[in-house]
Amino acid sequence: MTAITPLALPDVLLITPKRFGDVRGWFSETWSRKAMAAAGVETDFVQDNQAFNARKGTLRGLHFQKAPHAQGKLVRVLQGAIFDVAVDIRPGSPTHGQWVGATLTADGGEQLWVPRGFAHGYVTLTDDTMLFYKVDGLYAPETEGGLAWDDPDLGIAWPLEGEPVLSDKDKVLPRLKDLGPVSF
C-alpha cells in the first residue's frame, strides 16, 4: 500500500509507494489513479520528464507555469537524492508565500505531489542525481515563470554547502513581491 502524507501546505503530498522485495530486488507501483484519487488528487498526466544533474548543490527553480498551461507535478528521484520544495503562490491562498520541503531519495522511493499554483524547485544532495516527474499540463514556454531561489521573504532553508550551481535563467528570477498577478 502506498503511504500518502499531507505536508504543512494544503494539497502538497509526500507519497511513498510500498516496495515488494525478494532475492531478485524489488517492485513498486509508482502511480495509482485509485490511490491518488483517495487522497484527493484527480489528474491526468500528459507528459513525463527526466532530468540529470551532475553535481551536488545543483539548484533548479523555483519554476511554475501560469494558466492556461499550469502544471501539477509528481516528482521522484531515480538516482541520488534531492531536497524538493513547493511554494504556494496561489492568489488569495491563506498560505500564499509559504513553502514546504521534503527530502526525496532513490533508495527511499519518496515522491512529492506539487499541485498547480505552486512554484517548484530542488537542490541535489548528491552528485549524479536523476529525477523523473509526471506533469498534468504540457510545457508552454510562453506561460512559464519563476521565483528567486534565495528570496528572503520566502526564507527557504536550502541544505547547501556554499553557492549553488544555477542556470543563467534561475540567477535572475524575481522575488515573490515583484511577481505581479498570476492565474492558475
N, C-alpha and C. Protein backbone atom coordinates (compact mmCIF):
# COMPACT_ATOMS: atom_id res chain seq x y z
N MET A 1 0.85 -1.19 0.00
CA MET A 1 0.00 0.00 0.00
C MET A 1 0.89 1.24 0.00
N THR A 2 0.50 2.21 -0.73
CA THR A 2 1.21 3.48 -0.81
C THR A 2 0.90 4.33 0.41
N ALA A 3 1.93 4.90 1.03
CA ALA A 3 1.74 5.83 2.15
C ALA A 3 1.65 7.24 1.57
N ILE A 4 0.56 7.94 1.88
CA ILE A 4 0.36 9.30 1.40
C ILE A 4 0.26 10.21 2.62
N THR A 5 1.19 11.16 2.73
CA THR A 5 1.28 12.03 3.90
C THR A 5 1.09 13.48 3.47
N PRO A 6 0.01 14.14 3.93
CA PRO A 6 -0.13 15.57 3.65
C PRO A 6 0.97 16.34 4.39
N LEU A 7 1.54 17.33 3.72
CA LEU A 7 2.57 18.16 4.34
C LEU A 7 1.93 19.43 4.89
N ALA A 8 2.75 20.37 5.33
CA ALA A 8 2.26 21.56 6.02
C ALA A 8 1.42 22.49 5.14
N LEU A 9 1.56 22.42 3.82
CA LEU A 9 0.76 23.26 2.93
C LEU A 9 -0.34 22.42 2.29
N PRO A 10 -1.54 22.99 2.18
CA PRO A 10 -2.66 22.24 1.61
C PRO A 10 -2.34 21.67 0.23
N ASP A 11 -2.69 20.46 0.03
CA ASP A 11 -2.61 19.77 -1.26
C ASP A 11 -1.22 19.29 -1.66
N VAL A 12 -0.15 19.65 -0.93
CA VAL A 12 1.17 19.13 -1.22
C VAL A 12 1.32 17.82 -0.43
N LEU A 13 1.63 16.74 -1.16
CA LEU A 13 1.65 15.42 -0.55
C LEU A 13 3.01 14.75 -0.71
N LEU A 14 3.45 14.06 0.35
CA LEU A 14 4.60 13.19 0.28
C LEU A 14 4.06 11.78 0.08
N ILE A 15 4.48 11.15 -0.98
CA ILE A 15 3.95 9.84 -1.37
C ILE A 15 5.10 8.84 -1.34
N THR A 16 4.91 7.75 -0.59
CA THR A 16 5.94 6.72 -0.52
C THR A 16 5.32 5.39 -0.90
N PRO A 17 5.50 4.98 -2.15
CA PRO A 17 4.96 3.69 -2.58
C PRO A 17 5.66 2.54 -1.86
N LYS A 18 4.89 1.52 -1.52
CA LYS A 18 5.45 0.33 -0.89
C LYS A 18 6.29 -0.43 -1.91
N ARG A 19 7.39 -0.96 -1.44
CA ARG A 19 8.25 -1.80 -2.28
C ARG A 19 8.11 -3.25 -1.84
N PHE A 20 7.94 -4.11 -2.81
CA PHE A 20 7.81 -5.54 -2.57
C PHE A 20 9.10 -6.19 -3.03
N GLY A 21 9.87 -6.71 -2.08
CA GLY A 21 11.19 -7.23 -2.42
C GLY A 21 11.35 -8.71 -2.18
N ASP A 22 12.30 -9.28 -2.89
CA ASP A 22 12.73 -10.66 -2.69
C ASP A 22 14.17 -10.77 -3.17
N VAL A 23 14.66 -11.96 -3.39
CA VAL A 23 16.05 -12.15 -3.76
C VAL A 23 16.42 -11.47 -5.08
N ARG A 24 15.43 -11.19 -5.92
CA ARG A 24 15.69 -10.55 -7.22
C ARG A 24 15.86 -9.05 -7.11
N GLY A 25 15.31 -8.44 -6.07
CA GLY A 25 15.29 -6.98 -5.93
C GLY A 25 13.94 -6.55 -5.38
N TRP A 26 13.33 -5.55 -5.99
CA TRP A 26 12.02 -5.09 -5.53
C TRP A 26 11.18 -4.59 -6.69
N PHE A 27 9.87 -4.47 -6.42
CA PHE A 27 8.88 -3.94 -7.35
C PHE A 27 8.08 -2.90 -6.59
N SER A 28 7.69 -1.81 -7.28
CA SER A 28 6.90 -0.76 -6.67
C SER A 28 5.94 -0.17 -7.69
N GLU A 29 4.73 0.07 -7.27
CA GLU A 29 3.74 0.76 -8.10
C GLU A 29 3.91 2.25 -7.83
N THR A 30 4.48 3.00 -8.77
CA THR A 30 4.81 4.40 -8.52
C THR A 30 3.68 5.38 -8.81
N TRP A 31 2.66 4.93 -9.50
CA TRP A 31 1.50 5.79 -9.77
C TRP A 31 0.26 4.93 -9.77
N SER A 32 -0.74 5.35 -9.02
CA SER A 32 -2.03 4.67 -8.99
C SER A 32 -3.13 5.73 -8.98
N ARG A 33 -3.91 5.77 -10.02
CA ARG A 33 -5.03 6.72 -10.09
C ARG A 33 -5.96 6.53 -8.89
N LYS A 34 -6.21 5.27 -8.54
CA LYS A 34 -7.11 4.96 -7.43
C LYS A 34 -6.57 5.48 -6.09
N ALA A 35 -5.28 5.23 -5.81
CA ALA A 35 -4.69 5.68 -4.54
C ALA A 35 -4.66 7.20 -4.47
N MET A 36 -4.31 7.86 -5.56
CA MET A 36 -4.25 9.31 -5.55
C MET A 36 -5.64 9.93 -5.45
N ALA A 37 -6.61 9.35 -6.13
CA ALA A 37 -7.98 9.85 -6.02
C ALA A 37 -8.47 9.76 -4.58
N ALA A 38 -8.10 8.68 -3.89
CA ALA A 38 -8.49 8.52 -2.49
C ALA A 38 -7.87 9.61 -1.62
N ALA A 39 -6.72 10.15 -2.06
CA ALA A 39 -6.05 11.24 -1.33
C ALA A 39 -6.51 12.61 -1.82
N GLY A 40 -7.46 12.65 -2.75
CA GLY A 40 -7.99 13.92 -3.24
C GLY A 40 -7.32 14.47 -4.48
N VAL A 41 -6.44 13.69 -5.09
CA VAL A 41 -5.75 14.15 -6.30
C VAL A 41 -6.32 13.39 -7.48
N GLU A 42 -7.03 14.10 -8.33
CA GLU A 42 -7.56 13.50 -9.55
C GLU A 42 -7.01 14.31 -10.71
N THR A 43 -6.09 13.70 -11.44
CA THR A 43 -5.41 14.40 -12.52
C THR A 43 -5.09 13.42 -13.64
N ASP A 44 -4.92 13.95 -14.81
CA ASP A 44 -4.48 13.16 -15.96
C ASP A 44 -3.12 13.68 -16.38
N PHE A 45 -2.12 12.83 -16.30
CA PHE A 45 -0.79 13.24 -16.70
C PHE A 45 -0.68 13.20 -18.21
N VAL A 46 0.02 14.21 -18.76
CA VAL A 46 0.14 14.34 -20.22
C VAL A 46 1.58 14.28 -20.71
N GLN A 47 2.53 14.31 -19.78
CA GLN A 47 3.93 14.34 -20.19
C GLN A 47 4.79 13.81 -19.06
N ASP A 48 5.84 13.07 -19.41
CA ASP A 48 6.84 12.62 -18.45
C ASP A 48 8.14 13.33 -18.76
N ASN A 49 8.86 13.75 -17.72
CA ASN A 49 10.13 14.45 -17.87
C ASN A 49 11.20 13.75 -17.05
N GLN A 50 12.43 13.84 -17.51
CA GLN A 50 13.56 13.29 -16.77
C GLN A 50 14.67 14.33 -16.78
N ALA A 51 15.35 14.48 -15.65
CA ALA A 51 16.43 15.46 -15.54
C ALA A 51 17.63 14.81 -14.86
N PHE A 52 18.81 15.11 -15.37
CA PHE A 52 20.05 14.64 -14.78
C PHE A 52 20.85 15.83 -14.29
N ASN A 53 21.43 15.72 -13.12
CA ASN A 53 22.23 16.78 -12.51
C ASN A 53 23.57 16.18 -12.11
N ALA A 54 24.65 16.66 -12.70
CA ALA A 54 25.97 16.05 -12.49
C ALA A 54 26.54 16.36 -11.10
N ARG A 55 26.25 17.55 -10.57
CA ARG A 55 26.93 17.97 -9.34
C ARG A 55 25.99 18.16 -8.16
N LYS A 56 26.45 17.74 -7.01
CA LYS A 56 25.79 18.05 -5.75
C LYS A 56 25.71 19.57 -5.63
N GLY A 57 24.60 20.08 -5.12
CA GLY A 57 24.44 21.53 -4.98
C GLY A 57 23.86 22.20 -6.20
N THR A 58 23.42 21.41 -7.19
CA THR A 58 22.72 21.99 -8.34
C THR A 58 21.31 22.35 -7.90
N LEU A 59 20.92 23.59 -8.14
CA LEU A 59 19.60 24.07 -7.72
C LEU A 59 18.82 24.47 -8.96
N ARG A 60 17.64 23.89 -9.11
CA ARG A 60 16.74 24.24 -10.22
C ARG A 60 15.46 24.80 -9.64
N GLY A 61 15.09 25.97 -10.10
CA GLY A 61 13.84 26.56 -9.63
C GLY A 61 14.09 27.93 -9.04
N LEU A 62 13.02 28.43 -8.62
CA LEU A 62 11.67 27.90 -8.41
C LEU A 62 10.82 28.18 -9.65
N HIS A 63 10.24 27.16 -10.26
CA HIS A 63 9.54 27.28 -11.54
C HIS A 63 8.05 26.98 -11.41
N PHE A 64 7.27 27.54 -12.34
CA PHE A 64 5.84 27.25 -12.46
C PHE A 64 5.39 27.63 -13.86
N GLN A 65 4.18 27.20 -14.20
CA GLN A 65 3.51 27.64 -15.43
C GLN A 65 2.16 28.22 -15.06
N LYS A 66 1.80 29.34 -15.72
CA LYS A 66 0.53 30.02 -15.48
C LYS A 66 -0.55 29.45 -16.40
N ALA A 67 -1.79 29.81 -16.11
CA ALA A 67 -2.92 29.43 -16.96
C ALA A 67 -2.69 30.04 -18.34
N PRO A 68 -3.10 29.41 -19.38
CA PRO A 68 -3.92 28.19 -19.42
C PRO A 68 -3.11 26.90 -19.43
N HIS A 69 -1.82 26.98 -19.11
CA HIS A 69 -0.96 25.79 -19.17
C HIS A 69 -0.31 25.47 -17.82
N ALA A 70 -1.03 25.73 -16.73
CA ALA A 70 -0.50 25.42 -15.41
C ALA A 70 -0.20 23.92 -15.32
N GLN A 71 0.71 23.57 -14.44
CA GLN A 71 1.12 22.18 -14.29
C GLN A 71 1.13 21.75 -12.83
N GLY A 72 0.60 20.56 -12.58
CA GLY A 72 0.86 19.84 -11.34
C GLY A 72 1.96 18.84 -11.66
N LYS A 73 2.81 18.54 -10.66
CA LYS A 73 3.96 17.65 -10.89
C LYS A 73 4.01 16.57 -9.82
N LEU A 74 4.32 15.36 -10.25
CA LEU A 74 4.63 14.27 -9.34
C LEU A 74 6.10 13.94 -9.55
N VAL A 75 6.93 14.26 -8.55
CA VAL A 75 8.39 14.22 -8.68
C VAL A 75 8.96 13.04 -7.88
N ARG A 76 9.89 12.30 -8.50
CA ARG A 76 10.61 11.26 -7.78
C ARG A 76 12.05 11.20 -8.27
N VAL A 77 12.90 10.62 -7.46
CA VAL A 77 14.33 10.52 -7.75
C VAL A 77 14.64 9.09 -8.17
N LEU A 78 15.32 8.96 -9.31
CA LEU A 78 15.73 7.64 -9.81
C LEU A 78 17.13 7.27 -9.36
N GLN A 79 17.95 8.30 -9.10
CA GLN A 79 19.34 8.09 -8.69
C GLN A 79 19.75 9.27 -7.84
N GLY A 80 20.32 9.02 -6.67
CA GLY A 80 20.78 10.10 -5.81
C GLY A 80 19.72 10.58 -4.85
N ALA A 81 19.75 11.90 -4.55
CA ALA A 81 18.83 12.49 -3.57
C ALA A 81 18.70 13.98 -3.82
N ILE A 82 17.53 14.53 -3.46
CA ILE A 82 17.27 15.96 -3.57
C ILE A 82 16.53 16.46 -2.34
N PHE A 83 16.59 17.77 -2.13
CA PHE A 83 15.67 18.45 -1.23
C PHE A 83 14.71 19.17 -2.15
N ASP A 84 13.44 18.78 -2.11
CA ASP A 84 12.41 19.26 -3.03
C ASP A 84 11.52 20.27 -2.32
N VAL A 85 11.18 21.37 -3.00
CA VAL A 85 10.45 22.47 -2.39
C VAL A 85 9.24 22.87 -3.22
N ALA A 86 8.13 23.15 -2.53
CA ALA A 86 6.94 23.72 -3.16
C ALA A 86 6.58 25.01 -2.42
N VAL A 87 6.32 26.08 -3.18
CA VAL A 87 5.96 27.38 -2.61
C VAL A 87 4.56 27.73 -3.10
N ASP A 88 3.65 28.03 -2.18
CA ASP A 88 2.28 28.40 -2.52
C ASP A 88 2.28 29.81 -3.10
N ILE A 89 1.91 29.93 -4.37
CA ILE A 89 1.80 31.27 -4.99
C ILE A 89 0.39 31.50 -5.53
N ARG A 90 -0.57 30.73 -5.02
CA ARG A 90 -1.96 30.90 -5.44
C ARG A 90 -2.51 32.21 -4.90
N PRO A 91 -3.05 33.05 -5.78
CA PRO A 91 -3.62 34.32 -5.31
C PRO A 91 -4.75 34.05 -4.31
N GLY A 92 -4.74 34.79 -3.21
CA GLY A 92 -5.79 34.66 -2.21
C GLY A 92 -5.66 33.47 -1.28
N SER A 93 -4.67 32.64 -1.47
CA SER A 93 -4.49 31.48 -0.60
C SER A 93 -4.07 31.92 0.80
N PRO A 94 -4.61 31.29 1.84
CA PRO A 94 -4.19 31.65 3.20
C PRO A 94 -2.73 31.28 3.49
N THR A 95 -2.13 30.43 2.65
CA THR A 95 -0.73 30.06 2.85
C THR A 95 0.16 30.63 1.74
N HIS A 96 -0.34 31.67 1.05
CA HIS A 96 0.42 32.31 -0.02
C HIS A 96 1.80 32.74 0.50
N GLY A 97 2.84 32.39 -0.24
CA GLY A 97 4.20 32.76 0.13
C GLY A 97 4.87 31.81 1.11
N GLN A 98 4.17 30.78 1.53
CA GLN A 98 4.77 29.79 2.43
C GLN A 98 5.32 28.63 1.61
N TRP A 99 6.31 27.94 2.17
CA TRP A 99 6.95 26.84 1.47
C TRP A 99 6.97 25.59 2.35
N VAL A 100 7.13 24.47 1.69
CA VAL A 100 7.33 23.20 2.36
C VAL A 100 8.38 22.44 1.57
N GLY A 101 9.19 21.66 2.27
CA GLY A 101 10.23 20.89 1.60
C GLY A 101 10.29 19.47 2.13
N ALA A 102 10.82 18.58 1.31
CA ALA A 102 10.98 17.18 1.70
C ALA A 102 12.19 16.61 0.98
N THR A 103 12.87 15.70 1.64
CA THR A 103 13.99 15.00 1.03
C THR A 103 13.44 13.80 0.27
N LEU A 104 13.82 13.70 -1.00
CA LEU A 104 13.43 12.56 -1.84
C LEU A 104 14.70 11.82 -2.22
N THR A 105 14.68 10.50 -2.10
CA THR A 105 15.85 9.69 -2.41
C THR A 105 15.49 8.53 -3.32
N ALA A 106 16.45 8.10 -4.10
CA ALA A 106 16.23 6.90 -4.92
C ALA A 106 16.07 5.69 -4.02
N ASP A 107 16.84 5.63 -2.94
CA ASP A 107 16.77 4.48 -2.04
C ASP A 107 15.41 4.37 -1.34
N GLY A 108 14.83 5.52 -0.95
CA GLY A 108 13.56 5.50 -0.23
C GLY A 108 12.33 5.48 -1.13
N GLY A 109 12.47 5.96 -2.37
CA GLY A 109 11.36 5.96 -3.31
C GLY A 109 10.29 7.01 -3.06
N GLU A 110 10.57 8.00 -2.21
CA GLU A 110 9.59 9.04 -1.92
C GLU A 110 9.29 9.86 -3.17
N GLN A 111 8.07 10.40 -3.21
CA GLN A 111 7.65 11.28 -4.30
C GLN A 111 6.96 12.50 -3.70
N LEU A 112 7.00 13.62 -4.42
CA LEU A 112 6.30 14.81 -3.97
C LEU A 112 5.27 15.20 -5.02
N TRP A 113 4.03 15.38 -4.57
CA TRP A 113 2.97 15.92 -5.43
C TRP A 113 2.96 17.43 -5.23
N VAL A 114 3.26 18.18 -6.31
CA VAL A 114 3.27 19.63 -6.30
C VAL A 114 2.09 20.08 -7.17
N PRO A 115 1.00 20.56 -6.57
CA PRO A 115 -0.18 20.94 -7.35
C PRO A 115 0.02 22.22 -8.15
N ARG A 116 -0.89 22.45 -9.08
CA ARG A 116 -0.94 23.71 -9.81
C ARG A 116 -1.06 24.85 -8.80
N GLY A 117 -0.40 25.97 -9.11
CA GLY A 117 -0.45 27.11 -8.21
C GLY A 117 0.70 27.15 -7.22
N PHE A 118 1.64 26.23 -7.39
CA PHE A 118 2.82 26.20 -6.53
C PHE A 118 4.06 26.34 -7.41
N ALA A 119 5.03 27.12 -6.95
CA ALA A 119 6.34 27.14 -7.59
C ALA A 119 7.10 25.94 -7.06
N HIS A 120 7.94 25.35 -7.92
CA HIS A 120 8.67 24.14 -7.57
C HIS A 120 10.15 24.30 -7.83
N GLY A 121 10.95 23.77 -6.92
CA GLY A 121 12.39 23.77 -7.11
C GLY A 121 13.02 22.68 -6.27
N TYR A 122 14.28 22.39 -6.59
CA TYR A 122 15.01 21.40 -5.80
C TYR A 122 16.49 21.67 -5.87
N VAL A 123 17.19 21.12 -4.87
CA VAL A 123 18.64 21.14 -4.86
C VAL A 123 19.12 19.70 -4.71
N THR A 124 20.16 19.35 -5.46
CA THR A 124 20.68 17.99 -5.39
C THR A 124 21.55 17.83 -4.15
N LEU A 125 21.41 16.68 -3.51
CA LEU A 125 22.17 16.37 -2.30
C LEU A 125 23.34 15.44 -2.58
N THR A 126 23.40 14.94 -3.82
CA THR A 126 24.47 14.05 -4.24
C THR A 126 24.89 14.39 -5.66
N ASP A 127 26.08 13.97 -6.04
CA ASP A 127 26.47 14.04 -7.44
C ASP A 127 25.62 13.03 -8.22
N ASP A 128 25.54 13.22 -9.53
CA ASP A 128 24.89 12.27 -10.44
C ASP A 128 23.46 11.92 -9.99
N THR A 129 22.66 12.96 -9.83
CA THR A 129 21.27 12.79 -9.41
C THR A 129 20.34 12.83 -10.62
N MET A 130 19.43 11.87 -10.67
CA MET A 130 18.48 11.81 -11.77
C MET A 130 17.05 11.82 -11.23
N LEU A 131 16.22 12.68 -11.83
CA LEU A 131 14.81 12.81 -11.45
C LEU A 131 13.92 12.38 -12.59
N PHE A 132 12.71 11.97 -12.21
CA PHE A 132 11.65 11.66 -13.15
C PHE A 132 10.41 12.33 -12.60
N TYR A 133 9.69 13.06 -13.46
CA TYR A 133 8.45 13.62 -12.97
C TYR A 133 7.39 13.63 -14.05
N LYS A 134 6.17 13.42 -13.57
CA LYS A 134 4.99 13.43 -14.42
C LYS A 134 4.33 14.79 -14.26
N VAL A 135 3.80 15.35 -15.36
CA VAL A 135 3.11 16.63 -15.29
C VAL A 135 1.72 16.50 -15.92
N ASP A 136 0.80 17.32 -15.41
CA ASP A 136 -0.58 17.26 -15.93
C ASP A 136 -0.90 18.41 -16.87
N GLY A 137 0.12 19.10 -17.35
CA GLY A 137 -0.04 20.15 -18.35
C GLY A 137 1.18 20.15 -19.25
N LEU A 138 0.97 20.39 -20.53
CA LEU A 138 2.08 20.40 -21.48
C LEU A 138 2.98 21.61 -21.25
N TYR A 139 4.25 21.46 -21.55
CA TYR A 139 5.19 22.58 -21.44
C TYR A 139 4.81 23.66 -22.44
N ALA A 140 4.72 24.88 -21.97
CA ALA A 140 4.38 26.03 -22.81
C ALA A 140 5.27 27.19 -22.36
N PRO A 141 6.38 27.43 -23.07
CA PRO A 141 7.34 28.44 -22.62
C PRO A 141 6.75 29.83 -22.44
N GLU A 142 5.71 30.15 -23.20
CA GLU A 142 5.11 31.48 -23.08
C GLU A 142 4.38 31.68 -21.75
N THR A 143 4.13 30.60 -21.00
CA THR A 143 3.43 30.73 -19.72
C THR A 143 4.32 30.40 -18.52
N GLU A 144 5.60 30.14 -18.79
CA GLU A 144 6.46 29.78 -17.65
C GLU A 144 6.85 31.01 -16.85
N GLY A 145 7.08 30.76 -15.57
CA GLY A 145 7.51 31.82 -14.67
C GLY A 145 8.39 31.22 -13.60
N GLY A 146 8.89 32.09 -12.76
CA GLY A 146 9.75 31.60 -11.69
C GLY A 146 9.95 32.63 -10.60
N LEU A 147 10.49 32.15 -9.51
CA LEU A 147 10.82 32.97 -8.35
C LEU A 147 12.28 32.77 -7.99
N ALA A 148 12.86 33.79 -7.40
CA ALA A 148 14.24 33.70 -6.94
C ALA A 148 14.35 32.63 -5.85
N TRP A 149 15.30 31.74 -6.03
CA TRP A 149 15.50 30.65 -5.09
C TRP A 149 15.89 31.17 -3.70
N ASP A 150 16.51 32.35 -3.66
CA ASP A 150 17.01 32.92 -2.41
C ASP A 150 16.20 34.13 -1.95
N ASP A 151 14.93 34.21 -2.36
CA ASP A 151 14.06 35.31 -1.94
C ASP A 151 14.01 35.35 -0.41
N PRO A 152 14.48 36.44 0.21
CA PRO A 152 14.50 36.49 1.68
C PRO A 152 13.10 36.47 2.30
N ASP A 153 12.09 36.89 1.55
CA ASP A 153 10.72 36.85 2.07
C ASP A 153 10.21 35.42 2.18
N LEU A 154 10.72 34.53 1.34
CA LEU A 154 10.33 33.12 1.42
C LEU A 154 11.13 32.42 2.52
N GLY A 155 12.41 32.73 2.63
CA GLY A 155 13.24 32.15 3.68
C GLY A 155 13.41 30.64 3.59
N ILE A 156 13.56 30.12 2.39
CA ILE A 156 13.70 28.68 2.23
C ILE A 156 15.04 28.23 2.82
N ALA A 157 15.00 27.21 3.63
CA ALA A 157 16.19 26.67 4.29
C ALA A 157 16.81 25.59 3.41
N TRP A 158 17.43 26.03 2.31
CA TRP A 158 18.07 25.08 1.39
C TRP A 158 19.27 24.43 2.09
N PRO A 159 19.42 23.13 2.02
CA PRO A 159 20.59 22.48 2.62
C PRO A 159 21.80 22.57 1.69
N LEU A 160 22.40 23.73 1.65
CA LEU A 160 23.52 24.00 0.74
C LEU A 160 24.83 24.10 1.50
N GLU A 161 25.89 23.64 0.86
CA GLU A 161 27.25 23.85 1.35
C GLU A 161 27.92 24.77 0.33
N GLY A 162 27.83 26.07 0.56
CA GLY A 162 28.38 27.02 -0.39
C GLY A 162 27.33 27.47 -1.38
N GLU A 163 27.80 28.06 -2.48
CA GLU A 163 26.90 28.59 -3.50
C GLU A 163 26.37 27.46 -4.38
N PRO A 164 25.09 27.54 -4.80
CA PRO A 164 24.54 26.50 -5.66
C PRO A 164 25.00 26.65 -7.11
N VAL A 165 24.87 25.57 -7.86
CA VAL A 165 25.06 25.59 -9.31
C VAL A 165 23.71 25.99 -9.90
N LEU A 166 23.66 27.12 -10.62
CA LEU A 166 22.41 27.68 -11.15
C LEU A 166 22.51 27.90 -12.66
N SER A 167 21.36 27.84 -13.33
CA SER A 167 21.30 28.26 -14.73
C SER A 167 21.30 29.78 -14.77
N ASP A 168 21.64 30.34 -15.93
CA ASP A 168 21.59 31.80 -16.08
C ASP A 168 20.17 32.30 -15.85
N LYS A 169 19.20 31.56 -16.32
CA LYS A 169 17.79 31.95 -16.15
C LYS A 169 17.41 32.02 -14.68
N ASP A 170 17.84 31.01 -13.90
CA ASP A 170 17.46 30.98 -12.49
C ASP A 170 18.18 32.04 -11.66
N LYS A 171 19.27 32.58 -12.16
CA LYS A 171 20.01 33.62 -11.44
C LYS A 171 19.28 34.95 -11.41
N VAL A 172 18.33 35.16 -12.33
CA VAL A 172 17.70 36.48 -12.47
C VAL A 172 16.18 36.45 -12.23
N LEU A 173 15.67 35.40 -11.62
CA LEU A 173 14.23 35.33 -11.37
C LEU A 173 13.82 36.35 -10.31
N PRO A 174 12.58 36.86 -10.38
CA PRO A 174 12.14 37.90 -9.44
C PRO A 174 11.78 37.33 -8.06
N ARG A 175 11.71 38.23 -7.11
CA ARG A 175 11.19 37.89 -5.78
C ARG A 175 9.68 37.79 -5.88
N LEU A 176 9.07 37.12 -4.93
CA LEU A 176 7.62 36.95 -4.92
C LEU A 176 6.91 38.30 -4.90
N LYS A 177 7.41 39.25 -4.12
CA LYS A 177 6.75 40.55 -4.03
C LYS A 177 6.77 41.32 -5.36
N ASP A 178 7.68 40.94 -6.26
CA ASP A 178 7.78 41.60 -7.56
C ASP A 178 7.14 40.81 -8.70
N LEU A 179 6.52 39.71 -8.38
CA LEU A 179 5.98 38.81 -9.39
C LEU A 179 4.78 39.39 -10.14
N GLY A 180 3.90 40.08 -9.45
CA GLY A 180 2.69 40.58 -10.08
C GLY A 180 1.60 39.52 -10.08
N PRO A 181 0.44 39.80 -10.65
CA PRO A 181 -0.69 38.87 -10.61
C PRO A 181 -0.42 37.63 -11.47
N VAL A 182 -0.80 36.48 -10.94
CA VAL A 182 -0.63 35.20 -11.62
C VAL A 182 -1.93 34.42 -11.48
N SER A 183 -2.35 33.78 -12.57
CA SER A 183 -3.55 32.93 -12.50
C SER A 183 -3.18 31.51 -12.84
N PHE A 184 -3.90 30.58 -12.22
CA PHE A 184 -3.67 29.16 -12.45
C PHE A 184 -4.94 28.48 -12.87
